[in-house]
Amino acid sequence: MRGSFTGYAPIPSMIAHHLQAFSYRAATASQYAKYTLSRLPIPRPFVLLFQLFGWILFLCVRLCLRYIHPIVSLIVLYKAWWRVADYWESKLHGNWAPAFPVARTNYTITLAAVPIWGACMAALMLLWGIVLLLWSLFRNRMTRSPKYEPITVDLDDIQDMADARETRGRPGQQTGRNFVKPTAYLVLWVAYLSMALFGVYMWKTYELPIDHRFKADVELANRVPRPEGYGTGEKIYIAAMFYNNEVILPYWITEVTKVINYLGTENVFVSIVESNSGDQTANLLEEFDKTLATMQVKRRILTHDTSIVRPASMDTAPPRIEFLAAVRNLAMEPLVQHGGYTRVIFSNDIFIEAESIVELLDTKGGDYDMACGLDMAYWGLYDQWVIRDRLGRLASTLWPFFLEDTGFRAVMADEPAPVFACWNGIIAVRADPFLPIPLRTGQLSTAPLSRPLASTHPAYPQPANMTPALTPPVRFRASAPDECFSSESFLLPYDLQRQFDLHKIYANPRVINGYVWEFYVWFKWVTRHWAVKWWIEKVENGNGVHLAKMILGDPARLWQWDGGRVSSVVIVFDYWV
């Protein structure tokens, strides 16, 4: 006798055994049903119909049992995919289709669904194996005889019966059963488990190293804060304005507090204007004011401010721009009055990470006049009314945003792109242009302006030998009567170039920010995940970027910015309130 039966067969063999037993019982039941029907006074056609129906049902059951695993696997994959798709749709509904290509969306959903599918199938296979093992143990225990009575057995007969069983069926079918099927079962389980573990790996590596290169320093600065900070020691003036932003403010306050600890509490001034909101914005800022007082940060936080009358309508029109320009100038007052800072951070009401703000300050290693982030929303790059490429042309809402070669290649390489104008959620800019001449720190040139001021500019005319160092302070403003209607955010970089010869203006593609949390997460972490970024860069490769311009009006009447005179432009862009 070659071996003894232990009652603990490998799990796949047990599964096959139970399926065979079920098939045998089903066949027996079918024969019994056929015999019973033949004894009943039923017309023969109906008997044949019942037999046909029973045969079809039996065949379906056998096929289901044979292919139960792939059927269950496909059902789980289908359910996982559509659960992720429904979640995506619930969070990002109302988006603009060109900014969310179907192929990219389906690819991203699949990346999320496959690890869930693998985890579910690995768990089901493990659970099913445990259930069968427990059932086998239970049956062995129930069928075991209470008394053991030895009987006479002819070992030669047992050997002959075993040899006969092994030679039944196709050659080689039974010989390797206990090896092949358990191995296949284990390989399949490992494959599912690998999918689940790959999902964990993708979750852990969702940030590119280039996107969080300052994260460790920021975390250290907040674990062990010190007045001089961990940065370069540069004096930074942080300005912001808020209205009905109770949703955004807790996040913004947390991240800006981290930035303050990184820069050093003795190197920062915080100036915020809150325009008499109708929600908890003022209360949140008053708590922030107390926190800054505890940190001994210089500050001026104005809440419930009504010194600047809010227009009845905040639609995109001159009254809106005049109001926003006045509020921004109010936020800049402490700097203009006292000076003492070399760089200004001006933030909109956005979601942004602390390390992204530090990244903005470090644009081009600090060699810039003005640097901007990228504000992403439901149509992609949001503030199309402000941003222009370095040739003064409209940008696209789709990556890589710029149609001229220099900006296109810069964004493709995740490097700051030179632009003519930008704002896009947050800026870092030299402080000297805002300061009265006696308070300036020598950042401005003493050479005459390289180009004469355009006749449409409100400061025209000015002396021919006017230098940037002697030019009066720049202020946020609305368009002059002879200028095209523009945003106060657009006119700032325009004035920096025309009045101060400050041309090093960059849009930094690493500084992602957003006004709505769901879209911020999508563009900050999902589309910049290495797996999705590979698809965008290698598969899409900028396809369709030239078609995605948010133009409201007649495109035929669009003028290209010539860097000098402000030509009349009739295009109006929707500006977020």
Protein backbone atom coordinates (compact mmCIF):
# COMPACT_ATOMS: atom_id res chain seq x y z
CA MET A 1 0.00 0.00 0.00
CA ARG A 2 1.58 3.27 -1.17
CA GLY A 3 0.06 5.52 1.50
CA SER A 4 -2.73 5.98 3.96
CA PHE A 5 -5.68 8.38 3.69
CA THR A 6 -5.49 11.16 6.34
CA GLY A 7 -8.74 13.02 5.66
CA TYR A 8 -6.98 16.33 5.03
CA ALA A 9 -6.84 16.62 1.23
CA PRO A 10 -5.55 19.81 -0.35
CA ILE A 11 -8.23 22.44 -0.70
CA PRO A 12 -8.43 22.40 -4.54
CA SER A 13 -8.81 18.61 -4.50
CA MET A 14 -11.60 18.99 -1.96
CA ILE A 15 -13.34 21.50 -4.22
CA ALA A 16 -13.11 19.14 -7.20
CA HIS A 17 -14.36 16.26 -5.03
CA HIS A 18 -17.43 18.23 -3.90
CA LEU A 19 -18.21 19.30 -7.47
CA GLN A 20 -18.00 15.70 -8.67
CA ALA A 21 -20.21 14.56 -5.82
CA PHE A 22 -22.76 17.23 -6.69
CA SER A 23 -22.70 16.21 -10.36
CA TYR A 24 -23.28 12.57 -9.39
CA ARG A 25 -26.18 13.49 -7.11
CA ALA A 26 -27.64 15.74 -9.79
CA ALA A 27 -27.46 12.95 -12.36
CA THR A 28 -29.10 10.50 -9.95
CA ALA A 29 -31.85 12.99 -9.20
CA SER A 30 -32.39 13.49 -12.93
CA GLN A 31 -32.79 9.74 -13.49
CA TYR A 32 -35.22 9.50 -10.59
CA ALA A 33 -37.25 12.43 -11.91
CA LYS A 34 -37.34 10.80 -15.35
CA TYR A 35 -38.58 7.52 -13.88
CA THR A 36 -41.23 9.30 -11.79
CA LEU A 37 -42.52 11.29 -14.76
CA SER A 38 -42.80 8.09 -16.81
CA ARG A 39 -45.08 6.58 -14.15
CA LEU A 40 -47.42 9.60 -14.06
CA PRO A 41 -50.38 9.95 -16.49
CA ILE A 42 -48.81 12.92 -18.30
CA PRO A 43 -48.91 13.27 -22.09
CA ARG A 44 -45.63 12.29 -23.65
CA PRO A 45 -44.95 15.70 -25.28
CA PHE A 46 -45.09 17.33 -21.85
CA VAL A 47 -42.79 14.69 -20.45
CA LEU A 48 -40.30 15.39 -23.21
CA LEU A 49 -40.64 19.13 -22.57
CA PHE A 50 -39.98 18.67 -18.85
CA GLN A 51 -37.02 16.45 -19.61
CA LEU A 52 -35.62 19.04 -22.02
CA PHE A 53 -36.09 21.78 -19.45
CA GLY A 54 -34.43 19.66 -16.76
CA TRP A 55 -31.54 18.83 -19.05
CA ILE A 56 -30.99 22.50 -19.88
CA LEU A 57 -31.19 23.44 -16.19
CA PHE A 58 -28.77 20.68 -15.27
CA LEU A 59 -26.37 21.76 -18.03
CA CYS A 60 -26.51 25.41 -16.84
CA VAL A 61 -25.79 24.34 -13.27
CA ARG A 62 -22.84 22.22 -14.35
CA LEU A 63 -21.44 25.01 -16.49
CA CYS A 64 -21.84 27.48 -13.62
CA LEU A 65 -20.08 25.11 -11.26
CA ARG A 66 -17.29 24.49 -13.72
CA TYR A 67 -16.77 28.20 -14.41
CA ILE A 68 -17.82 29.56 -11.03
CA HIS A 69 -14.48 31.21 -10.38
CA PRO A 70 -14.25 33.31 -13.57
CA ILE A 71 -17.93 34.23 -13.24
CA VAL A 72 -17.51 35.44 -9.67
CA SER A 73 -14.25 37.17 -10.58
CA LEU A 74 -15.87 39.11 -13.43
CA ILE A 75 -18.83 40.08 -11.26
CA VAL A 76 -16.52 41.40 -8.52
CA LEU A 77 -14.44 43.33 -11.08
CA TYR A 78 -17.59 44.82 -12.61
CA LYS A 79 -18.94 45.86 -9.22
CA ALA A 80 -15.60 47.32 -8.08
CA TRP A 81 -15.16 49.32 -11.29
CA TRP A 82 -18.62 50.81 -11.19
CA ARG A 83 -18.42 51.59 -7.48
CA VAL A 84 -15.26 53.62 -8.14
CA ALA A 85 -16.87 55.22 -11.22
CA ASP A 86 -19.97 56.20 -9.24
CA TYR A 87 -17.79 57.69 -6.50
CA TRP A 88 -15.83 59.65 -9.11
CA GLU A 89 -19.02 60.94 -10.70
CA SER A 90 -20.47 61.98 -7.33
CA LYS A 91 -17.36 64.00 -6.47
CA LEU A 92 -16.48 65.52 -9.85
CA HIS A 93 -19.86 66.00 -11.50
CA GLY A 94 -20.38 69.10 -13.61
CA ASN A 95 -16.86 69.06 -15.03
CA TRP A 96 -15.96 70.27 -18.51
CA ALA A 97 -15.49 67.24 -20.76
CA PRO A 98 -12.24 68.27 -22.54
CA ALA A 99 -10.48 68.64 -19.18
CA PHE A 100 -11.56 65.11 -18.19
CA PRO A 101 -10.94 62.89 -21.26
CA VAL A 102 -12.93 59.66 -21.21
CA ALA A 103 -9.89 57.46 -21.83
CA ARG A 104 -7.92 59.08 -18.99
CA THR A 105 -10.88 58.87 -16.64
CA ASN A 106 -11.51 55.18 -17.41
CA TYR A 107 -7.81 54.42 -17.06
CA THR A 108 -7.68 56.14 -13.67
CA ILE A 109 -10.83 54.37 -12.47
CA THR A 110 -9.34 51.04 -13.57
CA LEU A 111 -6.14 51.77 -11.63
CA ALA A 112 -8.26 52.21 -8.51
CA ALA A 113 -10.66 49.31 -9.18
CA VAL A 114 -8.13 46.55 -9.96
CA PRO A 115 -6.49 46.52 -6.49
CA ILE A 116 -9.96 46.46 -4.90
CA TRP A 117 -10.88 43.55 -7.16
CA GLY A 118 -7.68 41.72 -6.23
CA ALA A 119 -8.23 42.24 -2.51
CA CYS A 120 -11.84 41.02 -2.70
CA MET A 121 -10.98 37.93 -4.72
CA ALA A 122 -8.01 37.03 -2.51
CA ALA A 123 -10.26 37.33 0.55
CA LEU A 124 -13.04 35.26 -1.08
CA MET A 125 -10.65 32.50 -2.12
CA LEU A 126 -9.17 32.36 1.36
CA LEU A 127 -12.59 32.36 2.99
CA TRP A 128 -13.91 29.66 0.63
CA GLY A 129 -10.91 27.47 1.32
CA ILE A 130 -11.39 27.83 5.08
CA VAL A 131 -15.11 26.99 4.77
CA LEU A 132 -14.38 23.83 2.76
CA LEU A 133 -11.69 22.75 5.18
CA LEU A 134 -14.00 23.19 8.16
CA TRP A 135 -16.79 21.35 6.33
CA SER A 136 -14.46 18.45 5.55
CA LEU A 137 -13.35 18.24 9.16
CA PHE A 138 -16.95 18.34 10.31
CA ARG A 139 -18.03 15.56 7.93
CA ASN A 140 -15.06 13.36 8.87
CA ARG A 141 -15.92 13.75 12.51
CA MET A 142 -19.61 13.00 11.97
CA THR A 143 -18.98 9.90 9.87
CA ARG A 144 -16.30 8.45 12.12
CA SER A 145 -17.41 5.15 13.76
CA PRO A 146 -17.62 5.25 17.61
CA LYS A 147 -15.95 1.85 17.83
CA TYR A 148 -13.08 0.63 15.77
CA GLU A 149 -13.43 -2.99 14.72
CA PRO A 150 -10.55 -4.35 12.66
CA ILE A 151 -11.53 -6.27 9.56
CA THR A 152 -9.56 -8.50 7.30
CA VAL A 153 -8.40 -6.64 4.21
CA ASP A 154 -6.59 -7.99 1.20
CA LEU A 155 -3.98 -5.35 0.40
CA ASP A 156 -3.62 -6.66 -3.15
CA ASP A 157 -7.31 -5.93 -3.80
CA ILE A 158 -6.92 -2.38 -2.49
CA GLN A 159 -3.89 -1.86 -4.73
CA ASP A 160 -5.81 -3.13 -7.76
CA MET A 161 -8.73 -0.80 -7.03
CA ALA A 162 -6.40 2.18 -6.68
CA ASP A 163 -4.66 1.35 -9.97
CA ALA A 164 -8.01 1.05 -11.72
CA ARG A 165 -9.13 4.47 -10.46
CA GLU A 166 -5.93 6.07 -11.65
CA THR A 167 -6.21 4.66 -15.16
CA ARG A 168 -9.83 5.83 -15.73
CA GLY A 169 -10.47 8.78 -18.05
CA ARG A 170 -7.92 10.46 -20.23
CA PRO A 171 -4.28 9.51 -19.74
CA GLY A 172 -2.52 11.65 -17.20
CA GLN A 173 -5.73 13.34 -16.01
CA GLN A 174 -5.62 11.97 -12.49
CA THR A 175 -1.92 11.43 -11.99
CA GLY A 176 -0.97 15.03 -11.28
CA ARG A 177 -4.21 16.23 -9.69
CA ASN A 178 -2.87 16.68 -6.18
CA PHE A 179 0.03 18.71 -7.53
CA VAL A 180 -1.32 20.74 -10.48
CA LYS A 181 -4.60 22.02 -9.06
CA PRO A 182 -3.31 23.10 -5.64
CA THR A 183 -0.45 24.88 -7.41
CA ALA A 184 -2.81 26.66 -9.83
CA TYR A 185 -5.06 27.65 -6.94
CA LEU A 186 -2.10 29.07 -5.02
CA VAL A 187 -0.74 30.92 -8.08
CA LEU A 188 -4.13 32.51 -8.71
CA TRP A 189 -4.46 33.56 -5.08
CA VAL A 190 -0.97 35.08 -5.13
CA ALA A 191 -1.88 36.97 -8.33
CA TYR A 192 -4.94 38.49 -6.68
CA LEU A 193 -2.97 39.32 -3.56
CA SER A 194 -0.29 40.97 -5.71
CA MET A 195 -2.92 43.22 -7.27
CA ALA A 196 -4.07 44.29 -3.81
CA LEU A 197 -0.50 44.93 -2.65
CA PHE A 198 0.20 46.90 -5.81
CA GLY A 199 -2.73 49.10 -4.87
CA VAL A 200 -1.13 49.70 -1.48
CA TYR A 201 2.13 50.59 -3.25
CA MET A 202 0.33 53.08 -5.51
CA TRP A 203 -1.34 54.62 -2.47
CA LYS A 204 1.99 55.01 -0.69
CA THR A 205 3.69 56.54 -3.75
CA TYR A 206 0.94 58.98 -4.75
CA GLU A 207 3.30 61.96 -4.46
CA LEU A 208 6.18 62.51 -6.83
CA PRO A 209 9.48 63.39 -5.12
CA ILE A 210 9.56 66.68 -7.02
CA ASP A 211 6.15 67.61 -5.58
CA HIS A 212 7.17 67.33 -1.92
CA ARG A 213 10.85 68.14 -1.86
CA PHE A 214 10.26 70.67 0.95
CA LYS A 215 7.81 68.51 2.90
CA ALA A 216 10.35 67.03 5.32
CA ASP A 217 11.76 70.50 6.10
CA VAL A 218 8.29 71.91 6.70
CA GLU A 219 7.42 69.01 9.02
CA LEU A 220 10.67 69.49 10.94
CA ALA A 221 10.00 73.21 11.28
CA ASN A 222 6.60 72.46 12.81
CA ARG A 223 7.91 69.77 15.13
CA VAL A 224 10.78 71.94 16.35
CA PRO A 225 9.82 75.57 15.62
CA ARG A 226 12.35 78.33 16.03
CA PRO A 227 11.97 82.11 15.49
CA GLU A 228 14.54 82.31 12.69
CA GLY A 229 12.85 79.44 10.84
CA TYR A 230 14.41 76.89 8.48
CA GLY A 231 14.32 78.85 5.21
CA THR A 232 16.63 81.43 3.72
CA GLY A 233 15.81 84.09 6.29
CA GLU A 234 14.15 86.31 3.67
CA LYS A 235 11.50 88.70 5.00
CA ILE A 236 8.11 87.62 3.66
CA TYR A 237 4.88 89.60 3.65
CA ILE A 238 1.82 87.31 3.46
CA ALA A 239 -1.40 88.94 2.23
CA ALA A 240 -4.86 87.50 1.61
CA MET A 241 -8.51 88.51 1.34
CA PHE A 242 -11.56 86.43 2.20
CA TYR A 243 -15.32 86.55 1.87
CA ASN A 244 -17.64 83.67 2.84
CA ASN A 245 -14.82 81.13 2.91
CA GLU A 246 -15.60 79.06 6.00
CA VAL A 247 -15.09 75.84 4.02
CA ILE A 248 -11.59 76.70 2.79
CA LEU A 249 -10.23 78.64 5.75
CA PRO A 250 -9.50 75.81 8.23
CA TYR A 251 -7.29 74.11 5.64
CA TRP A 252 -5.70 77.36 4.50
CA ILE A 253 -4.95 78.47 8.07
CA THR A 254 -3.34 75.12 8.91
CA GLU A 255 -1.06 75.17 5.86
CA VAL A 256 -0.10 78.85 6.19
CA THR A 257 0.75 78.28 9.86
CA LYS A 258 3.15 75.55 8.74
CA VAL A 259 4.71 77.96 6.25
CA ILE A 260 5.15 80.60 8.95
CA ASN A 261 7.01 78.12 11.15
CA TYR A 262 9.21 77.18 8.20
CA LEU A 263 10.00 80.80 7.27
CA GLY A 264 10.43 81.81 10.91
CA THR A 265 7.99 83.81 13.00
CA GLU A 266 10.40 86.75 13.12
CA ASN A 267 10.62 86.86 9.31
CA VAL A 268 6.90 87.09 8.50
CA PHE A 269 4.09 89.65 8.49
CA VAL A 270 0.49 88.51 7.92
CA SER A 271 -2.12 90.91 6.52
CA ILE A 272 -5.68 89.70 5.91
CA VAL A 273 -8.86 91.55 4.97
CA GLU A 274 -12.26 89.94 5.53
CA SER A 275 -15.10 91.78 3.80
CA ASN A 276 -17.98 91.31 6.27
CA SER A 277 -18.88 87.71 5.41
CA GLY A 278 -22.20 86.11 6.19
CA ASP A 279 -20.74 82.84 7.50
CA GLN A 280 -18.05 81.85 10.03
CA THR A 281 -15.15 83.35 8.07
CA ALA A 282 -14.65 86.27 10.46
CA ASN A 283 -14.73 84.00 13.53
CA LEU A 284 -12.15 81.66 12.02
CA LEU A 285 -9.83 84.56 11.21
CA GLU A 286 -10.21 86.00 14.72
CA GLU A 287 -9.10 82.63 16.13
CA PHE A 288 -6.19 82.67 13.68
CA ASP A 289 -5.31 86.15 14.94
CA LYS A 290 -5.08 84.78 18.49
CA THR A 291 -2.88 81.92 17.30
CA LEU A 292 -0.52 84.33 15.56
CA ALA A 293 -0.38 86.46 18.72
CA THR A 294 0.67 83.38 20.68
CA MET A 295 3.35 82.70 18.04
CA GLN A 296 4.48 86.36 18.28
CA VAL A 297 3.92 86.95 14.55
CA LYS A 298 3.50 90.53 13.33
CA ARG A 299 0.09 90.88 11.73
CA ARG A 300 -2.96 92.93 10.85
CA ILE A 301 -6.18 90.98 10.40
CA LEU A 302 -9.24 93.09 9.59
CA THR A 303 -12.60 91.35 10.04
CA HIS A 304 -16.12 92.62 9.34
CA ASP A 305 -14.54 95.29 7.15
CA THR A 306 -16.98 97.63 5.42
CA SER A 307 -14.59 100.46 4.62
CA ILE A 308 -14.76 99.46 0.96
CA VAL A 309 -18.32 99.25 -0.28
CA ARG A 310 -19.11 95.98 -1.99
CA PRO A 311 -20.96 96.52 -5.30
CA ALA A 312 -24.52 95.30 -5.63
CA SER A 313 -23.44 92.87 -8.34
CA MET A 314 -20.16 90.97 -8.40
CA ASP A 315 -20.54 89.99 -12.02
CA THR A 316 -17.46 90.46 -14.19
CA ALA A 317 -17.68 94.20 -14.81
CA PRO A 318 -15.71 97.35 -13.83
CA PRO A 319 -17.40 97.73 -10.37
CA ARG A 320 -16.21 94.26 -9.40
CA ILE A 321 -12.62 94.90 -10.51
CA GLU A 322 -12.52 98.29 -8.75
CA PHE A 323 -13.73 96.66 -5.53
CA LEU A 324 -11.21 93.78 -5.70
CA ALA A 325 -8.35 96.18 -6.48
CA ALA A 326 -9.27 98.37 -3.50
CA VAL A 327 -9.44 95.38 -1.12
CA ARG A 328 -6.07 94.09 -2.33
CA ASN A 329 -4.55 97.53 -1.78
CA LEU A 330 -6.02 97.55 1.74
CA ALA A 331 -4.30 94.21 2.42
CA MET A 332 -1.00 95.76 1.22
CA GLU A 333 -1.25 98.87 3.44
CA PRO A 334 1.06 97.75 6.29
CA LEU A 335 3.80 96.93 3.76
CA VAL A 336 3.40 100.25 1.93
CA GLN A 337 3.46 102.19 5.20
CA HIS A 338 6.38 100.48 6.92
CA GLY A 339 8.32 98.40 4.39
CA GLY A 340 10.82 95.94 5.83
CA TYR A 341 9.99 92.96 3.58
CA THR A 342 11.55 91.85 0.32
CA ARG A 343 8.99 89.36 -1.00
CA VAL A 344 5.17 89.31 -1.02
CA ILE A 345 2.97 86.20 -1.03
CA PHE A 346 -0.58 87.10 -2.04
CA SER A 347 -3.02 84.22 -1.76
CA ASN A 348 -6.57 83.82 -2.98
CA ASP A 349 -9.10 81.72 -1.09
CA ILE A 350 -7.58 78.39 -2.14
CA PHE A 351 -6.67 74.92 -1.02
CA ILE A 352 -2.89 74.57 -1.12
CA GLU A 353 -0.15 72.64 0.69
CA ALA A 354 2.50 74.33 2.83
CA GLU A 355 5.30 72.74 0.82
CA SER A 356 3.70 74.09 -2.37
CA ILE A 357 3.95 77.64 -1.01
CA VAL A 358 7.61 77.05 -0.18
CA GLU A 359 8.05 75.64 -3.69
CA LEU A 360 6.56 78.84 -5.08
CA LEU A 361 9.04 80.95 -3.10
CA ASP A 362 11.87 78.82 -4.48
CA THR A 363 10.81 79.16 -8.13
CA LYS A 364 13.95 79.28 -10.30
CA GLY A 365 16.02 79.16 -7.13
CA GLY A 366 14.59 82.56 -6.11
CA ASP A 367 15.68 84.27 -9.35
CA TYR A 368 12.31 85.68 -10.41
CA ASP A 369 10.34 88.90 -10.26
CA MET A 370 6.94 87.24 -9.96
CA ALA A 371 5.90 83.60 -9.74
CA CYS A 372 2.43 82.09 -9.85
CA GLY A 373 0.81 78.79 -9.09
CA LEU A 374 -1.74 76.96 -11.23
CA ASP A 375 -5.35 77.08 -10.01
CA MET A 376 -7.19 74.00 -11.24
CA ALA A 377 -10.95 73.61 -11.46
CA TYR A 378 -13.72 71.92 -13.42
CA TRP A 379 -12.39 73.05 -16.81
CA GLY A 380 -8.72 72.46 -16.00
CA LEU A 381 -6.51 75.54 -15.64
CA TYR A 382 -8.97 77.99 -14.14
CA ASP A 383 -8.08 81.68 -14.40
CA GLN A 384 -7.91 82.00 -18.17
CA TRP A 385 -8.77 85.69 -18.02
CA VAL A 386 -5.38 86.45 -16.45
CA ILE A 387 -2.80 83.98 -17.68
CA ARG A 388 -0.94 84.60 -20.97
CA ASP A 389 2.04 82.80 -22.41
CA ARG A 390 5.32 84.64 -22.84
CA LEU A 391 4.17 85.92 -26.24
CA GLY A 392 0.99 87.38 -24.79
CA ARG A 393 -1.32 84.74 -26.23
CA LEU A 394 -4.12 82.83 -24.54
CA ALA A 395 -3.23 79.67 -22.69
CA SER A 396 -5.08 76.36 -22.84
CA THR A 397 -7.03 74.88 -19.96
CA LEU A 398 -5.38 71.50 -20.65
CA TRP A 399 -1.90 70.27 -19.78
CA PRO A 400 0.69 71.42 -20.82
CA PHE A 401 -1.31 74.70 -21.04
CA PHE A 402 1.00 76.74 -23.30
CA LEU A 403 1.09 76.55 -27.08
CA GLU A 404 4.40 78.34 -27.62
CA ASP A 405 7.43 76.09 -27.56
CA THR A 406 9.32 77.44 -24.52
CA GLY A 407 6.37 77.27 -22.13
CA PHE A 408 5.20 73.97 -23.60
CA ARG A 409 8.55 72.29 -23.02
CA ALA A 410 8.95 73.81 -19.56
CA VAL A 411 5.63 72.40 -18.32
CA MET A 412 6.37 69.04 -19.96
CA ALA A 413 9.56 68.95 -17.86
CA ASP A 414 7.74 70.15 -14.68
CA GLU A 415 9.76 73.36 -14.72
CA PRO A 416 8.50 76.96 -14.29
CA ALA A 417 7.28 78.37 -17.61
CA PRO A 418 8.00 81.99 -18.57
CA VAL A 419 4.75 83.92 -19.07
CA PHE A 420 3.63 87.44 -19.84
CA ALA A 421 0.98 87.49 -17.10
CA CYS A 422 -0.46 85.16 -14.46
CA TRP A 423 -1.99 85.02 -10.99
CA ASN A 424 -3.81 81.69 -10.79
CA GLY A 425 -4.55 81.38 -7.10
CA ILE A 426 -1.33 82.55 -5.47
CA ILE A 427 1.73 84.67 -6.33
CA ALA A 428 5.15 85.45 -4.92
CA VAL A 429 6.44 88.84 -6.09
CA ARG A 430 9.20 91.33 -5.29
CA ALA A 431 8.15 93.83 -2.65
CA ASP A 432 10.06 96.89 -3.91
CA PRO A 433 7.59 97.92 -6.66
CA PHE A 434 4.88 98.34 -3.98
CA LEU A 435 7.05 100.44 -1.66
CA PRO A 436 7.61 104.18 -1.58
CA ILE A 437 11.01 105.09 -3.01
CA PRO A 438 12.68 105.75 0.41
CA LEU A 439 11.65 102.29 1.71
CA ARG A 440 12.95 100.27 -1.23
CA THR A 441 15.77 97.79 -0.77
CA GLY A 442 17.56 98.15 -4.11
CA GLN A 443 15.75 95.43 -6.07
CA LEU A 444 14.89 97.79 -8.96
CA SER A 445 17.09 98.92 -11.82
CA THR A 446 18.46 102.46 -12.03
CA ALA A 447 18.71 102.31 -15.83
CA PRO A 448 16.03 104.01 -17.98
CA LEU A 449 13.05 101.91 -19.04
CA SER A 450 13.80 99.69 -22.02
CA ARG A 451 10.55 100.65 -23.72
CA PRO A 452 8.40 103.79 -23.53
CA LEU A 453 5.11 103.51 -21.69
CA ALA A 454 2.07 102.85 -23.87
CA SER A 455 -0.13 105.88 -24.47
CA THR A 456 -3.13 103.95 -23.15
CA HIS A 457 -1.51 103.47 -19.74
CA PRO A 458 -2.88 105.68 -16.92
CA ALA A 459 0.69 106.76 -15.95
CA TYR A 460 1.37 108.10 -19.46
CA PRO A 461 3.14 110.42 -20.12
CA GLN A 462 6.22 110.18 -17.96
CA PRO A 463 9.80 111.53 -18.28
CA ALA A 464 11.90 109.91 -20.98
CA ASN A 465 14.67 109.13 -18.48
CA MET A 466 12.33 107.52 -15.93
CA THR A 467 13.94 104.52 -14.19
CA PRO A 468 12.27 101.63 -12.36
CA ALA A 469 13.98 102.70 -9.11
CA LEU A 470 12.32 106.14 -9.34
CA THR A 471 8.90 104.97 -10.56
CA PRO A 472 6.07 105.62 -8.05
CA PRO A 473 4.73 102.56 -6.19
CA VAL A 474 2.56 100.16 -8.16
CA ARG A 475 -0.98 99.56 -6.95
CA PHE A 476 -3.70 97.13 -7.86
CA ARG A 477 -6.01 98.94 -10.24
CA ALA A 478 -8.85 98.65 -12.71
CA SER A 479 -8.44 99.31 -16.41
CA ALA A 480 -8.08 102.88 -17.59
CA PRO A 481 -10.74 104.22 -20.00
CA ASP A 482 -8.54 103.67 -23.05
CA GLU A 483 -7.32 100.21 -22.00
CA CYS A 484 -9.07 96.95 -22.69
CA PHE A 485 -11.18 95.67 -19.80
CA SER A 486 -8.88 93.48 -17.68
CA SER A 487 -8.62 91.98 -14.23
CA GLU A 488 -6.66 93.72 -11.48
CA SER A 489 -4.67 90.47 -11.28
CA PHE A 490 -3.71 90.77 -14.95
CA LEU A 491 -2.79 94.45 -14.71
CA LEU A 492 -0.27 93.85 -11.92
CA PRO A 493 2.20 91.79 -14.04
CA TYR A 494 1.51 94.12 -16.96
CA ASP A 495 2.53 97.14 -14.86
CA LEU A 496 5.56 95.31 -13.47
CA GLN A 497 6.82 94.79 -17.00
CA ARG A 498 5.87 98.15 -18.50
CA GLN A 499 6.78 100.40 -15.55
CA PHE A 500 9.53 98.45 -13.76
CA ASP A 501 11.17 96.32 -16.48
CA LEU A 502 10.50 93.20 -14.38
CA HIS A 503 10.17 90.46 -16.98
CA LYS A 504 11.10 87.33 -15.01
CA ILE A 505 7.54 86.13 -14.54
CA TYR A 506 6.89 82.39 -14.28
CA ALA A 507 3.99 79.98 -13.86
CA ASN A 508 5.16 77.10 -11.67
CA PRO A 509 3.43 73.80 -12.61
CA ARG A 510 4.41 72.22 -9.29
CA VAL A 511 2.32 74.71 -7.30
CA ILE A 512 -1.14 73.22 -7.79
CA ASN A 513 -4.02 74.86 -5.93
CA GLY A 514 -7.80 74.93 -6.22
CA TYR A 515 -11.00 76.53 -5.00
CA VAL A 516 -13.04 73.31 -4.67
CA TRP A 517 -11.66 70.42 -2.63
CA GLU A 518 -12.68 67.62 -5.00
CA PHE A 519 -11.09 69.23 -8.05
CA TYR A 520 -8.05 70.17 -6.00
CA VAL A 521 -7.53 66.52 -5.00
CA TRP A 522 -8.01 65.39 -8.58
CA PHE A 523 -5.42 67.73 -10.06
CA LYS A 524 -3.01 67.86 -7.12
CA TRP A 525 -2.73 64.15 -6.36
CA VAL A 526 -4.62 62.02 -8.87
CA THR A 527 -3.42 63.50 -12.18
CA ARG A 528 0.07 63.98 -10.76
CA HIS A 529 0.25 60.39 -9.51
CA TRP A 530 3.10 58.71 -11.36
CA ALA A 531 0.82 56.14 -13.02
CA VAL A 532 -1.71 58.73 -14.25
CA LYS A 533 1.03 61.22 -15.14
CA TRP A 534 2.60 58.56 -17.36
CA TRP A 535 -0.68 58.26 -19.26
CA ILE A 536 -1.04 62.04 -19.64
CA GLU A 537 2.53 62.53 -20.82
CA LYS A 538 3.13 59.40 -22.91
CA VAL A 539 -0.31 58.48 -24.24
CA GLU A 540 -2.15 61.80 -24.48
CA ASN A 541 1.05 63.82 -24.97
CA GLY A 542 -0.76 67.16 -25.15
CA ASN A 543 -3.40 65.92 -27.59
CA GLY A 544 -6.19 68.48 -27.95
CA VAL A 545 -4.45 71.18 -25.92
CA HIS A 546 -4.87 73.70 -28.76
CA LEU A 547 -8.63 73.20 -28.78
CA ALA A 548 -9.24 73.95 -25.11
CA LYS A 549 -9.45 77.71 -24.74
CA MET A 550 -12.22 79.21 -22.65
CA ILE A 551 -13.37 82.02 -24.95
CA LEU A 552 -16.74 83.59 -24.34
CA GLY A 553 -17.55 85.73 -27.34
CA ASP A 554 -16.46 85.87 -30.95
CA PRO A 555 -13.00 84.25 -31.35
CA ALA A 556 -12.53 86.13 -34.63
CA ARG A 557 -12.33 89.41 -32.72
CA LEU A 558 -9.60 88.22 -30.37
CA TRP A 559 -6.42 90.32 -30.42
CA GLN A 560 -2.98 89.02 -29.60
CA TRP A 561 -1.13 90.95 -26.90
CA ASP A 562 1.77 92.80 -28.49
CA GLY A 563 3.59 93.65 -25.26
CA GLY A 564 3.04 97.36 -25.82
CA ARG A 565 -0.24 99.09 -26.47
CA VAL A 566 -3.30 97.46 -24.99
CA SER A 567 -5.49 96.67 -27.96
CA SER A 568 -9.25 96.50 -27.65
CA VAL A 569 -10.43 93.00 -26.75
CA VAL A 570 -14.09 92.08 -26.66
CA ILE A 571 -13.64 88.64 -25.14
CA VAL A 572 -15.00 88.32 -21.61
CA PHE A 573 -13.97 85.44 -19.36
CA ASP A 574 -16.04 84.22 -16.45
CA TYR A 575 -14.20 85.23 -13.25
CA TRP A 576 -14.78 83.16 -10.11
CA VAL A 577 -16.43 85.04 -7.20
